[in-house]
Protein backbone atom coordinates (compact mmCIF):
# COMPACT_ATOMS: atom_id res chain seq x y z
CA UNK A 1 -78.39 79.95 -130.22
CA UNK A 2 -79.94 81.33 -133.34
CA UNK A 3 -77.94 84.17 -135.35
CA UNK A 4 -79.19 86.10 -138.72
CA UNK A 5 -76.36 85.87 -140.80
CA UNK A 6 -75.58 88.47 -143.74
CA UNK A 7 -74.55 86.75 -146.58
CA UNK A 8 -72.47 89.02 -148.97
CA UNK A 9 -73.35 89.23 -153.04
CA UNK A 10 -70.24 86.89 -154.08
CA UNK A 11 -71.64 83.97 -151.46
CA UNK A 12 -75.05 84.44 -152.30
CA UNK A 13 -74.44 81.41 -154.67
CA UNK A 14 -74.28 79.15 -151.90
CA UNK A 15 -77.37 80.33 -149.97
CA UNK A 16 -79.84 80.29 -153.09
CA UNK A 17 -79.54 83.92 -153.41
CA UNK A 18 -80.94 84.62 -149.95
CA UNK A 19 -79.52 87.92 -148.30
CA UNK A 20 -79.83 86.32 -145.16
CA UNK A 21 -79.56 83.31 -143.31
CA UNK A 22 -80.44 81.77 -139.78
CA UNK A 23 -77.56 79.79 -138.52
CA UNK A 24 -76.81 78.42 -134.92
CA UNK A 25 -73.68 78.33 -132.24
CA UNK A 26 -72.06 79.68 -129.39
CA UNK A 27 -69.04 80.73 -131.44
CA UNK A 28 -68.24 81.91 -134.33
CA UNK A 29 -66.65 78.83 -135.63
CA UNK A 30 -69.90 76.91 -134.75
CA UNK A 31 -71.77 79.21 -136.65
CA UNK A 32 -69.81 78.84 -139.76
CA UNK A 33 -69.81 74.85 -139.60
CA UNK A 34 -73.60 75.14 -139.07
CA UNK A 35 -74.05 77.47 -142.17
CA UNK A 36 -71.23 74.82 -143.88
CA UNK A 37 -74.05 72.27 -143.26
CA UNK A 38 -77.27 74.27 -144.25
CA UNK A 39 -75.20 75.79 -147.16
CA UNK A 40 -72.67 73.47 -148.63
CA UNK A 41 -69.03 75.44 -149.26
CA UNK A 42 -69.89 78.40 -147.25
CA UNK A 43 -66.77 77.02 -144.78
CA UNK A 44 -64.17 76.98 -147.62
CA UNK A 45 -64.61 80.40 -148.77
CA UNK A 46 -64.42 81.46 -145.25
CA UNK A 47 -61.97 79.59 -143.45
CA UNK A 48 -58.31 78.79 -144.29
CA UNK A 49 -55.40 76.89 -142.59
CA UNK A 50 -57.64 77.01 -139.18
CA UNK A 51 -58.43 80.62 -139.20
CA UNK A 52 -60.42 83.08 -140.97
CA UNK A 53 -59.09 83.98 -144.55
CA UNK A 54 -57.06 86.95 -144.77
CA UNK A 55 -59.96 88.44 -147.09
CA UNK A 56 -63.04 87.96 -145.19
CA UNK A 57 -63.82 90.33 -142.60
CA UNK A 58 -66.48 89.27 -139.93
CA UNK A 59 -68.82 91.21 -138.02
CA UNK A 60 -70.75 89.74 -134.96
CA UNK A 61 -73.13 92.81 -134.14
CA UNK A 62 -70.86 95.43 -134.90
CA UNK A 63 -67.54 93.99 -133.53
CA UNK A 64 -64.70 92.91 -135.80
CA UNK A 65 -64.00 89.08 -134.56
CA UNK A 66 -60.61 89.38 -135.42
CA UNK A 67 -60.37 91.69 -131.89
CA UNK A 68 -62.50 89.74 -129.97
CA UNK A 69 -61.33 85.87 -130.56
CA UNK A 70 -61.47 85.39 -134.14
CA UNK A 71 -63.46 82.11 -134.79
CA UNK A 72 -63.80 81.63 -131.12
CA UNK A 73 -65.44 84.76 -130.51
CA UNK A 74 -68.92 84.09 -128.95
CA UNK A 75 -72.18 84.99 -130.14
CA UNK A 76 -75.53 84.87 -128.21
CA UNK A 77 -79.36 84.28 -129.44
CA UNK A 78 -80.04 87.42 -131.61
CA UNK A 79 -76.98 88.08 -132.74
CA UNK A 80 -76.30 89.70 -136.16
CA UNK A 81 -73.29 88.23 -138.00
CA UNK A 82 -71.85 89.85 -140.94
CA UNK A 83 -69.57 88.61 -143.37
CA UNK A 84 -67.66 90.79 -145.81
CA UNK A 85 -65.33 89.88 -148.37
CA UNK A 86 -62.36 92.29 -148.91
CA UNK A 87 -62.17 94.42 -152.24
CA UNK A 88 -59.12 95.38 -153.01
CA UNK A 89 -57.72 96.25 -157.05
CA UNK A 90 -58.06 99.63 -158.86
CA UNK A 91 -56.18 100.98 -162.02
CA UNK A 92 -52.71 102.96 -161.70
């Protein structure tokens, strides 16, 4: 199942600068594995200790996958997967 994956600027060095790429899989984990096979190094930036890295948010269409099964959340052909790194910091 092909899904369109939106790549945040900080990770585009892994995709040759592409803002979105195609990946295959029936779950978020399978999509991430396929992404990593096509664009080496992405999985290490998204997954830690068998789960999504705590500073990374992933959405299937507009649904946060943390609330619908995490890495086991299902995806369907034509879905959009969006990767959003958390932003924190600032000055006091």
